[in-house]
C-alpha cells in the first residue's frame, strides 16, 4: 500500500533555450522553479517508485507548469493515493479522473512512478510490464531548434550526426519570415548532412493550410521524411487535406493528440499517418498504451517524443514505451535523447551507462525504470520539497 509521496522540484545543471513556432522553450535560470522538472517518489511496501516530468509551459502548447504539477499532486492526487495498492492501476486512474480532470504532466509523473514501483516490486523492467522488449535497441531522433541564421541549425544538425551518430533529424519550422524560409533552411541542412539522413519538419501548428500545402510540395523533392503537426490542433479536416497533398510523405499528429478521445477523432477523420506519443502530455504509460491500441486498430503508426531535458528518468520512461511496441508499428525514432547526456548530464544521476551509442540507446534492463537516483545529488539540487502522507 502507498504510504507517502514526496514531490521535488529540482535544478538543472545546464540552461536550455530553443525556438519553436509556438514560443520559446527555456528551462530558466538556476534559481527559478518555473521550467524545472518535478520528481515524484511513491513509497509503498518497501519499494520506492520514481517518476520525473518537466512541464514545458510557459511558452509552448501544454497548459501544465511546474507549479500546477506540484499543486495537483500535493493537493488532490497525492492524498487520494495514500493507502492504495500500486498494482491497482486502472482503479487508481479512474479515481484520479474523478478527482481532477486534465493535468496530464502531473498524471504522467504519478503513472511513471507507479510503474517504476511495480517493476521494482517484481524485479522486472517496466517494458516487461507493458509489452516486453520488442525493440531493445532504439534509434534516436534529434530535434533541431529554429534560429535566425541557418548556420546555427546546420551546426546543431552536424553535431547530432557527427558526434552522436544520429540518422534522424527533425527541423523546427514556421519561421517568422515565412514558409519559403523553412524550405530554404531544410535545403541547407540537407546539403550539409547528405542524403543518408532522414529529415522531418515540425512547424508546431505554425503554418496556415495554404502555406502547409505549398511547403509540402516544395519539400517533397528534397526527400522530406515526415511532417509533424503543420497546422492548428483542432483542424482535422485540414490535416487530412495535407495528408492527401503529401502523397506518401507521412503526416504526424502531436499537438492534436492529448487524450484517448483525440486519438479516436484523428483515426475517424483519417487525418494522419502517425501519432506522436509524449508521456508528459498524455498522462503516462497507461494512457499511452490505450492510445497505441487505437492506432493499431486504425493502421496508424506511433512515434515516441518528449525532450526529457537532462532527465534520465524521463528518457528511460520513453525508452521503455518505445521498446514495448513492435518495430512495424513505429515510425521514425525516439526523441528523448536530450535526457541521455547530449546537452549536459542529469544532475541527479551523475553516473550512468544509459547513453547514446551510434545513434541508438539500449532500453534499461534493471528493475523498474532501471535508473538509480543519487540521493545526495537530489538533496543538493532540490529547490522545493513537499510530502503527502
Foldseek 3Di string as FASTA:
>chain_A
DWAKKKKFFFFFPDWDWFDFLQFIFTCDDRQDRKNTKMWMWTDDDHFIFIFIDGDRDDTALDDDISVNLVCCCFPWLGQVCHPPDLVVVVVSVVVSCVTDPAQQLNLARVQQRSLLRVLVVVFWESLVVQADQLDQKFFEEEEFGDDPDLVNSLVVLCCCCVVQQHQEYEYRDLDVVALVVVLVSLLVNCVSPDDRHAYEYENSQNDDLVRLLVNLVSCVVSRHQAYENPHDLPPQVSLQVSVVSNPPRWYEYESVDQFLVSLLVNLVSVRGQEYEDESSRNRHDVGSSSSLVSCVVSNHAYAYEDQCAQPPNSLLSSSSVVSNDNPVRHDDGYHHQNNAQPPHHNLQQPDDPQHRDNSIGGRATTGRSNGDGDVVSSVVGTSDMDMGD
